[in-house]
Protein backbone atom coordinates (compact mmCIF):
# COMPACT_ATOMS: atom_id res chain seq x y z
CA MET A 1 -0.03 0.01 0.06
CA PRO A 2 1.52 3.48 -0.93
CA THR A 3 2.69 5.68 1.84
CA ARG A 4 0.30 8.54 2.82
CA LYS A 5 1.37 11.88 1.55
CA GLU A 6 -0.98 14.58 2.74
CA LYS A 7 -0.28 17.23 0.22
CA ALA A 8 -2.20 18.64 -2.73
CA VAL A 9 -1.91 16.48 -5.79
CA PRO A 10 -3.53 17.62 -8.95
CA VAL A 11 -6.42 15.29 -9.69
CA LYS A 12 -8.43 15.17 -12.95
CA THR A 13 -12.07 15.14 -12.42
CA ALA A 14 -14.88 14.52 -14.86
CA PRO A 15 -16.77 17.77 -15.71
CA VAL A 16 -20.02 17.88 -13.74
CA THR A 17 -22.94 20.04 -14.70
CA VAL A 18 -25.48 21.55 -12.34
CA ALA A 19 -27.96 18.92 -13.48
CA ASP A 20 -25.70 16.21 -12.12
CA ALA A 21 -26.71 17.25 -8.52
CA ASN A 22 -29.93 15.26 -9.11
CA ALA A 23 -27.99 12.17 -10.33
CA PRO A 24 -27.98 8.90 -8.33
CA ASP A 25 -24.51 9.59 -6.99
CA ALA A 26 -25.61 12.89 -5.42
CA PRO A 27 -26.13 12.65 -1.62
CA ALA A 28 -29.67 12.97 -0.37
CA GLU A 29 -30.55 16.16 1.36
CA VAL A 30 -29.99 16.11 5.24
CA PRO A 31 -33.27 17.00 7.09
CA PRO A 32 -32.96 20.48 8.73
CA GLU A 33 -33.46 19.13 12.29
CA VAL A 34 -30.56 16.64 11.75
CA VAL A 35 -28.33 19.37 10.30
CA LYS A 36 -28.90 21.50 13.39
CA GLN A 37 -28.33 18.60 15.85
CA VAL A 38 -25.15 17.36 13.94
CA TYR A 39 -23.80 20.88 13.65
CA GLU A 40 -23.94 21.75 17.31
CA LYS A 41 -22.64 18.41 18.47
CA THR A 42 -19.57 18.32 16.19
CA ARG A 43 -18.91 21.99 16.46
CA LYS A 44 -18.70 21.94 20.24
CA SER A 45 -16.45 18.85 20.20
CA LEU A 46 -14.21 20.27 17.56
CA ILE A 47 -13.69 23.66 19.29
CA GLU A 48 -12.80 21.70 22.51
CA ARG A 49 -10.27 19.65 20.66
CA LEU A 50 -8.69 22.72 19.05
CA GLY A 51 -7.98 23.87 22.57
CA ASN A 52 -6.65 27.38 22.99
CA TRP A 53 -5.48 27.87 19.44
CA GLU A 54 -5.36 31.51 18.73
CA ASP A 55 -7.27 31.15 15.50
CA GLN A 56 -10.34 29.47 17.04
CA LYS A 57 -12.81 31.92 15.62
CA SER A 58 -11.43 31.41 12.11
CA TRP A 59 -11.59 27.66 12.42
CA ASP A 60 -15.24 28.02 13.71
CA GLU A 61 -16.04 29.91 10.44
CA PHE A 62 -14.15 27.21 8.37
CA TYR A 63 -16.24 24.54 10.04
CA ARG A 64 -19.51 26.40 9.34
CA THR A 65 -18.46 26.66 5.72
CA TYR A 66 -17.31 23.22 5.00
CA TRP A 67 -18.68 20.64 7.48
CA ARG A 68 -21.72 19.74 5.35
CA LEU A 69 -19.58 19.27 2.32
CA ILE A 70 -17.30 16.85 4.12
CA TYR A 71 -20.16 15.13 5.92
CA GLY A 72 -22.20 14.63 2.74
CA VAL A 73 -19.26 13.22 0.85
CA GLY A 74 -18.48 10.82 3.67
CA LEU A 75 -22.10 9.59 3.76
CA LYS A 76 -22.24 9.08 -0.02
CA SER A 77 -18.96 7.24 0.08
CA GLY A 78 -20.62 4.58 2.16
CA LEU A 79 -19.95 5.68 5.70
CA ARG A 80 -22.44 5.68 8.52
CA SER A 81 -23.53 8.98 10.05
CA GLU A 82 -21.24 8.61 13.17
CA GLU A 83 -18.27 7.68 10.94
CA ALA A 84 -18.99 10.65 8.61
CA LEU A 85 -19.02 12.96 11.74
CA ASP A 86 -15.58 11.63 12.67
CA VAL A 87 -14.39 12.35 9.11
CA VAL A 88 -15.55 15.95 9.51
CA GLN A 89 -13.67 16.44 12.82
CA GLU A 90 -10.53 14.59 11.83
CA THR A 91 -10.36 16.38 8.40
CA ILE A 92 -10.66 19.81 9.93
CA LEU A 93 -8.21 19.16 12.72
CA ALA A 94 -5.72 17.87 10.25
CA ILE A 95 -6.07 20.90 8.13
CA ALA A 96 -5.75 23.19 11.23
CA LYS A 97 -2.59 21.39 12.27
CA GLN A 98 -1.11 21.52 8.78
CA SER A 99 -1.91 25.25 8.44
CA LYS A 100 -0.46 25.95 11.78
CA GLU A 101 2.76 24.31 10.78
CA HIS A 102 2.69 26.08 7.33
CA ARG A 103 2.55 22.79 5.58
CA TYR A 104 0.00 23.74 2.91
CA ASP A 105 1.60 25.17 -0.22
CA PRO A 106 -0.82 26.76 -2.61
CA LYS A 107 1.76 26.31 -5.40
CA ALA A 108 1.52 22.51 -5.10
CA GLY A 109 -2.21 22.52 -5.98
CA SER A 110 -5.56 24.18 -5.40
CA PHE A 111 -7.34 24.44 -2.15
CA LYS A 112 -10.23 22.40 -3.59
CA VAL A 113 -7.99 19.46 -4.44
CA TRP A 114 -6.14 19.69 -1.14
CA LEU A 115 -9.34 19.65 0.89
CA MET A 116 -10.60 16.67 -1.20
CA ASN A 117 -7.38 14.72 -0.64
CA MET A 118 -7.50 15.49 3.07
CA THR A 119 -11.09 14.26 3.19
CA ARG A 120 -10.34 11.24 1.13
CA TRP A 121 -7.62 10.03 3.56
CA ARG A 122 -10.00 10.32 6.53
CA ILE A 123 -12.77 8.44 4.77
CA GLY A 124 -10.24 5.71 4.17
CA ASP A 125 -9.23 5.77 7.76
CA GLN A 126 -12.84 5.08 8.70
CA PHE A 127 -13.10 2.12 6.35
CA ARG A 128 -9.83 0.72 7.74
CA LYS A 129 -11.09 1.21 11.32
CA ARG A 130 -14.32 -0.55 10.38
CA ALA A 131 -12.34 -3.44 8.94
CA LYS A 132 -10.32 -3.90 12.14
CA ASP A 133 -13.53 -3.78 14.21
CA THR A 134 -15.02 -6.45 11.94
CA ALA A 135 -11.89 -8.65 12.13
CA MET A 136 -12.58 -9.02 15.90
CA TYR A 137 -15.56 -11.23 15.07
CA HIS A 138 -15.78 -14.69 13.51
CA PHE A 139 -18.77 -15.71 11.50
CA PRO A 140 -19.30 -19.49 11.20
CA GLY A 141 -19.41 -20.62 7.64
CA ASP A 142 -17.49 -17.55 6.33
CA GLU A 143 -15.07 -19.60 4.22
CA GLU A 144 -14.15 -16.55 2.22
CA GLY A 145 -13.08 -14.72 5.46
CA ARG A 146 -10.57 -17.51 6.27
CA ASN A 147 -8.61 -16.86 3.10
CA THR A 148 -9.00 -13.17 2.62
CA SER A 149 -7.90 -10.33 4.73
CA THR A 150 -10.73 -8.09 6.14
CA LEU A 151 -8.95 -5.09 4.81
CA ASP A 152 -9.18 -6.60 1.31
CA ARG A 153 -12.89 -7.28 1.56
CA VAL A 154 -14.20 -4.14 3.27
CA GLU A 155 -15.66 -1.48 1.15
CA ASP A 156 -13.27 1.29 0.28
CA PRO A 157 -14.10 4.58 -1.58
CA ASP A 158 -13.54 4.23 -5.30
CA ALA A 159 -11.35 7.07 -6.39
CA GLN A 160 -13.33 8.05 -9.42
CA LYS A 161 -16.62 7.75 -7.64
CA LEU A 162 -15.42 9.96 -4.79
CA ASP A 163 -14.17 12.44 -7.41
CA ARG A 164 -17.63 12.67 -8.81
CA ILE A 165 -19.34 12.96 -5.49
CA TRP A 166 -16.90 15.65 -4.47
CA GLU A 167 -17.46 17.68 -7.62
CA VAL A 168 -21.23 17.57 -7.14
CA GLU A 169 -21.11 18.40 -3.37
CA TRP A 170 -18.40 21.13 -3.94
CA LYS A 171 -20.74 22.91 -6.42
CA ARG A 172 -23.66 22.49 -4.11
CA ASN A 173 -21.64 23.94 -1.25
CA ILE A 174 -20.43 26.91 -3.26
CA ALA A 175 -24.01 27.52 -4.54
CA ASP A 176 -25.37 27.54 -0.98
CA ARG A 177 -22.66 29.99 0.10
CA ALA A 178 -23.46 32.32 -2.80
CA ILE A 179 -27.18 32.21 -2.12
CA ALA A 180 -26.68 32.96 1.61
CA THR A 181 -24.34 35.91 0.88
CA VAL A 182 -26.71 37.48 -1.64
CA LYS A 183 -29.71 37.01 0.67
CA GLN A 184 -28.07 39.43 3.12
CA ARG A 185 -27.63 42.07 0.32
CA VAL A 186 -31.15 42.17 -1.12
CA SER A 187 -34.49 43.02 0.61
CA PRO A 188 -36.27 40.12 2.33
CA ARG A 189 -39.26 40.62 -0.10
CA GLN A 190 -37.21 40.34 -3.17
CA PHE A 191 -35.36 37.30 -1.94
CA GLN A 192 -38.74 35.72 -1.04
CA ILE A 193 -39.96 36.20 -4.58
CA PHE A 194 -36.77 34.81 -6.03
CA ASP A 195 -36.79 31.80 -3.66
CA ALA A 196 -40.41 31.02 -4.57
CA TYR A 197 -39.97 31.40 -8.37
CA VAL A 198 -36.44 30.10 -8.93
CA ILE A 199 -35.52 27.84 -6.06
CA LYS A 200 -38.94 26.39 -5.21
CA GLN A 201 -39.91 26.60 -8.88
CA TRP A 202 -43.36 27.90 -8.41
CA SER A 203 -45.23 29.08 -11.49
CA VAL A 204 -45.37 32.87 -12.12
CA LYS A 205 -49.16 32.72 -11.51
CA LYS A 206 -48.60 30.99 -8.08
CA VAL A 207 -45.96 33.40 -6.95
CA MET A 208 -48.25 36.36 -7.85
CA THR A 209 -51.22 34.83 -6.07
CA GLU A 210 -49.41 33.55 -2.95
CA LEU A 211 -47.18 36.58 -2.41
CA GLY A 212 -49.41 39.34 -3.83
CA VAL A 213 -46.94 40.57 -6.37
CA SER A 214 -46.99 41.60 -10.07
CA MET A 215 -45.50 39.69 -12.97
CA ALA A 216 -42.99 42.48 -13.33
CA GLN A 217 -41.80 42.05 -9.72
CA VAL A 218 -41.34 38.34 -10.28
CA TYR A 219 -39.11 38.89 -13.26
CA LEU A 220 -37.27 41.70 -11.67
CA ALA A 221 -36.41 39.59 -8.65
CA LYS A 222 -35.26 36.78 -10.85
CA HIS A 223 -33.02 39.03 -12.86
CA ARG A 224 -31.58 41.02 -10.01
CA VAL A 225 -31.05 38.25 -7.36
CA GLY A 226 -29.99 35.78 -10.00
CA GLY A 227 -27.42 38.21 -11.39
CA LEU A 228 -25.94 38.82 -7.98
CA ILE A 229 -25.72 35.14 -7.27
CA LYS A 230 -23.98 34.50 -10.60
CA LYS A 231 -21.35 37.16 -9.68
CA GLU A 232 -20.86 35.80 -6.22
CA LEU A 233 -20.38 32.24 -7.75
CA ALA A 234 -17.78 33.60 -10.01
CA GLU A 235 -15.97 35.34 -7.13
CA LEU A 236 -16.02 32.25 -5.01
CA GLY A 237 -14.73 30.24 -7.89
CA LYS A 238 -11.69 32.50 -8.14
CA GLN A 239 -11.00 32.32 -4.45
CA LEU A 240 -11.44 28.65 -3.85
CA ILE A 241 -10.79 26.65 -7.01
């Protein structure tokens, strides 16, 4: 097995369109109540493990930004919820430690690829841990198990599949950030119209009836808010990819 090298390595990924977010490989949406519960639980534990690091506020923000991305990729790779939560914590802790030691070199590769590789290693760790736990038990009649190492039999994240999952979830995460940012810049009313027409995909007639607005207001909100989101997506793309 190759030696682990936790550095950014350029990885070729297949182009993924926005439509791919609805493909079978795309993780299912996490219910809001689960999101809140998981967020508070892992955030508190992570902050405690970071200890008195002077950059705690920045890491809290980093966690808020990327935990769902890492968690979703872990789940879709085949991990259980608790295992995916461990991946979130271990990935962010590893990144924090490497950053503190100035081990991340932007010249070696993009942040996007670096974060993916760091996450990939932690997902692999969880599968290896699961294999060791499984090896403690003997199942009568398991002839295959007598001749095959558990590490060889346990599910392990396929590289190309994980690349596809990461690409879809990365774009979803960036889109969520862009929408959240723009929401703070426009009026609540205008965002409500945009959300109903574009995100929830209500018909123009339903938006007009339910929200008591004109057709012109619907199209204005779509144009203005949509334009701001497009610009924010482009800016985030320059910063992170």
